[in-house]
Protein backbone atom coordinates (compact mmCIF):
# COMPACT_ATOMS: atom_id res chain seq x y z
CA MET A 1 22.44 37.99 -26.67
CA PRO A 2 19.93 38.54 -29.49
CA ALA A 3 17.48 35.78 -30.28
CA ARG A 4 17.93 33.85 -33.48
CA ASP A 5 15.41 35.06 -36.03
CA HIS A 6 14.93 32.39 -38.66
CA SER A 7 12.46 29.81 -39.90
CA HIS A 8 13.00 26.30 -41.06
CA SER A 9 10.81 23.80 -42.92
CA VAL A 10 9.56 26.53 -45.23
CA MET A 11 6.90 25.54 -47.76
CA ARG A 12 4.73 27.51 -50.16
CA ILE A 13 1.02 27.12 -50.94
CA GLY A 14 0.03 29.66 -53.57
CA PRO A 15 1.19 33.10 -52.43
CA VAL A 16 1.41 31.96 -48.79
CA GLN A 17 4.63 30.73 -47.20
CA ILE A 18 4.56 28.53 -44.10
CA GLY A 19 7.60 28.34 -41.85
CA THR A 20 8.29 26.61 -38.56
CA HIS A 21 9.99 28.60 -35.81
CA ARG A 22 10.32 28.78 -32.03
CA ASP A 23 8.71 31.65 -30.16
CA ARG A 24 10.40 33.51 -27.31
CA HIS A 25 9.13 30.91 -24.83
CA GLY A 26 10.69 28.04 -26.79
CA HIS A 27 7.41 26.68 -28.16
CA THR A 28 7.29 25.50 -31.77
CA LYS A 29 4.98 27.67 -33.89
CA HIS A 30 4.00 27.63 -37.55
CA ALA A 31 3.73 31.00 -39.26
CA ALA A 32 1.66 31.51 -42.41
CA VAL A 33 2.56 34.69 -44.31
CA CYS A 34 1.11 36.00 -47.57
CA THR A 35 3.85 37.26 -49.87
CA ALA A 36 1.56 39.16 -52.26
CA ASP A 37 2.21 42.88 -52.60
CA ARG A 38 0.19 45.05 -50.17
CA CYS A 39 -1.62 42.08 -48.58
CA GLY A 40 0.06 42.06 -45.19
CA TRP A 41 -1.72 38.95 -43.86
CA SER A 42 0.13 36.71 -41.42
CA ALA A 43 -0.74 34.45 -38.50
CA ASP A 44 0.89 32.01 -36.07
CA TYR A 45 -0.53 28.55 -35.47
CA SER A 46 0.33 25.79 -33.03
CA SER A 47 0.06 23.02 -35.65
CA GLN A 48 1.28 22.76 -39.21
CA ALA A 49 -2.08 21.37 -40.34
CA ALA A 50 -3.82 24.54 -39.15
CA ALA A 51 -1.27 26.72 -40.96
CA GLN A 52 -1.73 24.72 -44.18
CA LEU A 53 -5.51 25.02 -43.94
CA ALA A 54 -5.23 28.78 -43.46
CA ALA A 55 -2.88 29.01 -46.45
CA ARG A 56 -5.26 27.05 -48.67
CA THR A 57 -8.29 29.16 -47.70
CA HIS A 58 -6.55 32.59 -47.67
CA ARG A 59 -7.86 35.10 -50.17
CA CYS A 60 -6.04 38.39 -50.63
CA ARG A 61 -8.31 41.42 -50.35
CA VAL A 62 -5.92 43.48 -52.45
CA ARG A 63 -5.88 42.50 -56.12
């Protein structure tokens, strides 16, 4: 049976989207993903506050 691949509680801060999901071990994670073209930055965090801080301080290297 394939794992469900979706996020919930999605919010946007600038070009970065933050979504809450469960990893393959069942732990809740918060993913921050930059949606700017050719940026490619993303990271998982264990708290939503950490993901929001990363989203607020993220600067795309590609402009």
